[in-house]
Amino acid sequence: MDFRPLAEAERRQLLTALRGHADRGTALLIDPEDTSFAGTADDVPDEQVITAVKSVPVHY
């Protein structure tokens, strides 16, 4: 996997989203195809959260 720095616009968008998460608890959305940042949401259905947690690989 090669390191690719974020473009300036993408970096600003991600920083704004992280601040929104810290200040207001907005959810950070991740693209399931390539795990890139996909935006934010004020409310996420429980089923979507459960699906996301189940999709995280666990290695012991």
N, C-alpha and C. Protein backbone atom coordinates (compact mmCIF):
# COMPACT_ATOMS: atom_id res chain seq x y z
N MET A 1 0.85 -1.17 0.00
CA MET A 1 0.00 0.00 0.00
C MET A 1 0.90 1.24 0.00
N ASP A 2 0.66 2.12 -0.92
CA ASP A 2 1.45 3.34 -1.03
C ASP A 2 0.80 4.48 -0.26
N PHE A 3 1.64 5.29 0.38
CA PHE A 3 1.14 6.47 1.07
C PHE A 3 0.78 7.53 0.05
N ARG A 4 -0.42 8.09 0.19
CA ARG A 4 -0.86 9.18 -0.68
C ARG A 4 -1.42 10.27 0.21
N PRO A 5 -0.75 11.42 0.31
CA PRO A 5 -1.26 12.49 1.17
C PRO A 5 -2.60 13.00 0.63
N LEU A 6 -3.42 13.50 1.55
CA LEU A 6 -4.72 14.05 1.17
C LEU A 6 -4.56 15.34 0.37
N ALA A 7 -5.44 15.52 -0.58
CA ALA A 7 -5.50 16.80 -1.29
C ALA A 7 -5.98 17.85 -0.28
N GLU A 8 -5.63 19.09 -0.51
CA GLU A 8 -5.95 20.16 0.45
C GLU A 8 -7.45 20.24 0.72
N ALA A 9 -8.28 20.16 -0.30
CA ALA A 9 -9.74 20.24 -0.10
C ALA A 9 -10.24 19.05 0.72
N GLU A 10 -9.71 17.87 0.45
CA GLU A 10 -10.11 16.67 1.19
C GLU A 10 -9.65 16.77 2.64
N ARG A 11 -8.47 17.31 2.85
CA ARG A 11 -7.93 17.50 4.20
C ARG A 11 -8.81 18.45 5.01
N ARG A 12 -9.21 19.58 4.40
CA ARG A 12 -10.08 20.54 5.09
C ARG A 12 -11.43 19.91 5.43
N GLN A 13 -11.98 19.14 4.49
CA GLN A 13 -13.27 18.49 4.72
C GLN A 13 -13.18 17.49 5.88
N LEU A 14 -12.11 16.73 5.92
CA LEU A 14 -11.93 15.75 6.99
C LEU A 14 -11.74 16.45 8.34
N LEU A 15 -10.96 17.52 8.38
CA LEU A 15 -10.76 18.25 9.64
C LEU A 15 -12.08 18.84 10.14
N THR A 16 -12.88 19.39 9.25
CA THR A 16 -14.19 19.92 9.63
C THR A 16 -15.07 18.81 10.18
N ALA A 17 -15.04 17.65 9.55
CA ALA A 17 -15.83 16.51 10.02
C ALA A 17 -15.37 16.04 11.39
N LEU A 18 -14.07 15.98 11.60
CA LEU A 18 -13.55 15.56 12.91
C LEU A 18 -13.93 16.56 14.00
N ARG A 19 -13.90 17.85 13.68
CA ARG A 19 -14.32 18.85 14.66
C ARG A 19 -15.81 18.70 14.96
N GLY A 20 -16.61 18.45 13.94
CA GLY A 20 -18.04 18.24 14.14
C GLY A 20 -18.30 17.02 15.01
N HIS A 21 -17.50 15.99 14.83
CA HIS A 21 -17.64 14.79 15.65
C HIS A 21 -17.30 15.10 17.11
N ALA A 22 -16.22 15.83 17.32
CA ALA A 22 -15.80 16.16 18.68
C ALA A 22 -16.78 17.13 19.35
N ASP A 23 -17.29 18.10 18.61
CA ASP A 23 -18.16 19.13 19.19
C ASP A 23 -19.62 18.70 19.32
N ARG A 24 -20.13 18.01 18.29
CA ARG A 24 -21.56 17.71 18.26
C ARG A 24 -21.89 16.23 18.17
N GLY A 25 -20.88 15.39 18.03
CA GLY A 25 -21.11 13.96 17.96
C GLY A 25 -21.60 13.46 16.61
N THR A 26 -21.36 14.24 15.54
CA THR A 26 -21.78 13.78 14.21
C THR A 26 -20.98 12.53 13.83
N ALA A 27 -21.63 11.65 13.10
CA ALA A 27 -21.00 10.41 12.67
C ALA A 27 -20.10 10.66 11.47
N LEU A 28 -18.96 9.99 11.45
CA LEU A 28 -18.07 10.03 10.29
C LEU A 28 -18.41 8.83 9.42
N LEU A 29 -18.66 9.06 8.15
CA LEU A 29 -19.02 7.99 7.24
C LEU A 29 -17.81 7.58 6.42
N ILE A 30 -17.64 6.27 6.24
CA ILE A 30 -16.51 5.71 5.52
C ILE A 30 -17.05 4.90 4.34
N ASP A 31 -16.43 5.08 3.18
CA ASP A 31 -16.81 4.32 1.99
C ASP A 31 -16.40 2.86 2.20
N PRO A 32 -17.35 1.92 2.13
CA PRO A 32 -17.01 0.52 2.40
C PRO A 32 -16.12 -0.10 1.32
N GLU A 33 -16.10 0.47 0.14
CA GLU A 33 -15.29 -0.10 -0.94
C GLU A 33 -13.80 0.12 -0.73
N ASP A 34 -13.42 1.34 -0.37
CA ASP A 34 -11.99 1.64 -0.25
C ASP A 34 -11.62 2.28 1.09
N THR A 35 -12.54 2.30 2.02
CA THR A 35 -12.38 2.85 3.38
C THR A 35 -11.97 4.32 3.39
N SER A 36 -12.30 5.06 2.35
CA SER A 36 -12.01 6.49 2.33
C SER A 36 -13.12 7.25 3.04
N PHE A 37 -12.84 8.46 3.44
CA PHE A 37 -13.81 9.33 4.10
C PHE A 37 -14.93 9.64 3.12
N ALA A 38 -16.19 9.47 3.58
CA ALA A 38 -17.33 9.66 2.68
C ALA A 38 -18.28 10.75 3.14
N GLY A 39 -18.00 11.41 4.26
CA GLY A 39 -18.86 12.48 4.72
C GLY A 39 -19.26 12.32 6.17
N THR A 40 -20.31 13.04 6.55
CA THR A 40 -20.81 12.99 7.93
C THR A 40 -22.32 12.86 7.92
N ALA A 41 -22.86 12.50 9.07
CA ALA A 41 -24.31 12.41 9.24
C ALA A 41 -24.64 12.73 10.69
N ASP A 42 -25.74 13.42 10.88
CA ASP A 42 -26.17 13.73 12.25
C ASP A 42 -26.77 12.52 12.94
N ASP A 43 -27.39 11.63 12.18
CA ASP A 43 -28.03 10.45 12.75
C ASP A 43 -27.81 9.27 11.82
N VAL A 44 -27.41 8.15 12.38
CA VAL A 44 -27.19 6.93 11.60
C VAL A 44 -28.06 5.84 12.21
N PRO A 45 -28.82 5.12 11.36
CA PRO A 45 -29.68 4.05 11.89
C PRO A 45 -28.87 2.97 12.59
N ASP A 46 -29.43 2.40 13.65
CA ASP A 46 -28.74 1.36 14.42
C ASP A 46 -28.27 0.21 13.54
N GLU A 47 -29.09 -0.21 12.59
CA GLU A 47 -28.73 -1.33 11.73
C GLU A 47 -27.47 -1.02 10.92
N GLN A 48 -27.31 0.22 10.49
CA GLN A 48 -26.11 0.60 9.73
C GLN A 48 -24.88 0.55 10.63
N VAL A 49 -25.02 0.94 11.88
CA VAL A 49 -23.90 0.88 12.83
C VAL A 49 -23.51 -0.57 13.09
N ILE A 50 -24.50 -1.43 13.30
CA ILE A 50 -24.23 -2.84 13.56
C ILE A 50 -23.52 -3.48 12.36
N THR A 51 -23.98 -3.18 11.17
CA THR A 51 -23.36 -3.70 9.95
C THR A 51 -21.91 -3.24 9.86
N ALA A 52 -21.66 -1.97 10.17
CA ALA A 52 -20.30 -1.42 10.10
C ALA A 52 -19.39 -2.12 11.11
N VAL A 53 -19.88 -2.34 12.32
CA VAL A 53 -19.06 -2.99 13.34
C VAL A 53 -18.76 -4.43 12.93
N LYS A 54 -19.74 -5.12 12.40
CA LYS A 54 -19.53 -6.51 11.97
C LYS A 54 -18.54 -6.61 10.81
N SER A 55 -18.40 -5.56 10.03
CA SER A 55 -17.52 -5.61 8.87
C SER A 55 -16.05 -5.40 9.20
N VAL A 56 -15.75 -5.01 10.44
CA VAL A 56 -14.36 -4.77 10.83
C VAL A 56 -13.69 -6.10 11.10
N PRO A 57 -12.61 -6.40 10.38
CA PRO A 57 -11.92 -7.68 10.62
C PRO A 57 -11.24 -7.68 11.97
N VAL A 58 -11.29 -8.81 12.63
CA VAL A 58 -10.68 -8.96 13.94
C VAL A 58 -9.60 -10.03 13.83
N HIS A 59 -8.39 -9.67 14.21
CA HIS A 59 -7.29 -10.61 14.18
C HIS A 59 -6.74 -10.76 15.59
N TYR A 60 -6.58 -11.96 16.02
CA TYR A 60 -6.04 -12.22 17.36
C TYR A 60 -4.61 -12.65 17.27
